[in-house]
């Protein structure tokens, strides 16, 4: 069960990063460096989620 809770937590953070990326992209002069870092963080979370899901099955 602890893995399920961790996956949900990471999923929530993943969604928050997606929202931050969308918000930044809507700005007239989006910060490319910030976007790149947000996307990198989002990818790391996705990879961690997939790793944890692999441990469940």
Protein backbone atom coordinates (compact mmCIF):
# COMPACT_ATOMS: atom_id res chain seq x y z
CA UNK A 1 0.00 0.00 0.00
CA UNK A 2 2.86 2.39 0.65
CA UNK A 3 3.82 2.15 -3.01
CA UNK A 4 0.29 3.08 -4.07
CA UNK A 5 0.38 6.19 -1.89
CA UNK A 6 3.79 7.16 -3.27
CA UNK A 7 2.57 6.70 -6.84
CA UNK A 8 -0.47 8.90 -6.13
CA UNK A 9 1.76 11.56 -4.58
CA UNK A 10 4.11 11.53 -7.55
CA UNK A 11 1.14 11.60 -9.93
CA UNK A 12 -0.16 14.69 -8.20
CA UNK A 13 3.23 16.39 -8.46
CA UNK A 14 3.39 15.34 -12.14
CA UNK A 15 0.03 17.03 -12.76
CA UNK A 16 1.21 20.18 -10.95
CA UNK A 17 4.27 20.34 -13.15
CA UNK A 18 2.11 19.89 -16.26
CA UNK A 19 -0.02 22.84 -15.12
CA UNK A 20 3.11 24.93 -14.47
CA UNK A 21 4.39 24.10 -17.96
CA UNK A 22 1.06 25.08 -19.53
CA UNK A 23 0.98 28.31 -17.53
CA UNK A 24 4.51 29.22 -18.59
CA UNK A 25 3.75 28.46 -22.25
CA UNK A 26 0.75 30.83 -22.15
CA UNK A 27 2.93 33.74 -21.10
CA UNK A 28 3.79 36.18 -23.91
CA UNK A 29 7.52 35.65 -23.36
CA UNK A 30 7.88 32.15 -21.96
CA UNK A 31 11.15 31.42 -20.18
CA UNK A 32 12.76 28.63 -22.20
CA UNK A 33 15.18 27.74 -19.42
CA UNK A 34 12.34 27.44 -16.92
CA UNK A 35 10.28 25.36 -19.35
CA UNK A 36 13.19 23.01 -19.95
CA UNK A 37 13.70 22.50 -16.20
CA UNK A 38 9.99 21.92 -15.58
CA UNK A 39 9.87 19.35 -18.36
CA UNK A 40 12.98 17.63 -17.00
CA UNK A 41 11.39 17.40 -13.55
CA UNK A 42 8.17 16.07 -15.05
CA UNK A 43 10.07 13.38 -16.96
CA UNK A 44 11.95 12.31 -13.81
CA UNK A 45 8.64 11.93 -11.99
CA UNK A 46 7.16 9.92 -14.86
CA UNK A 47 10.15 7.58 -14.83
CA UNK A 48 9.91 7.12 -11.06
CA UNK A 49 6.18 6.41 -11.31
CA UNK A 50 6.79 3.78 -14.01
CA UNK A 51 9.54 2.18 -11.92
CA UNK A 52 7.26 1.97 -8.90
CA UNK A 53 4.39 0.56 -10.96
CA UNK A 54 6.78 -2.11 -12.22
CA UNK A 55 7.48 -3.12 -8.63
CA UNK A 56 3.77 -3.65 -7.96
CA UNK A 57 3.22 -6.03 -10.89
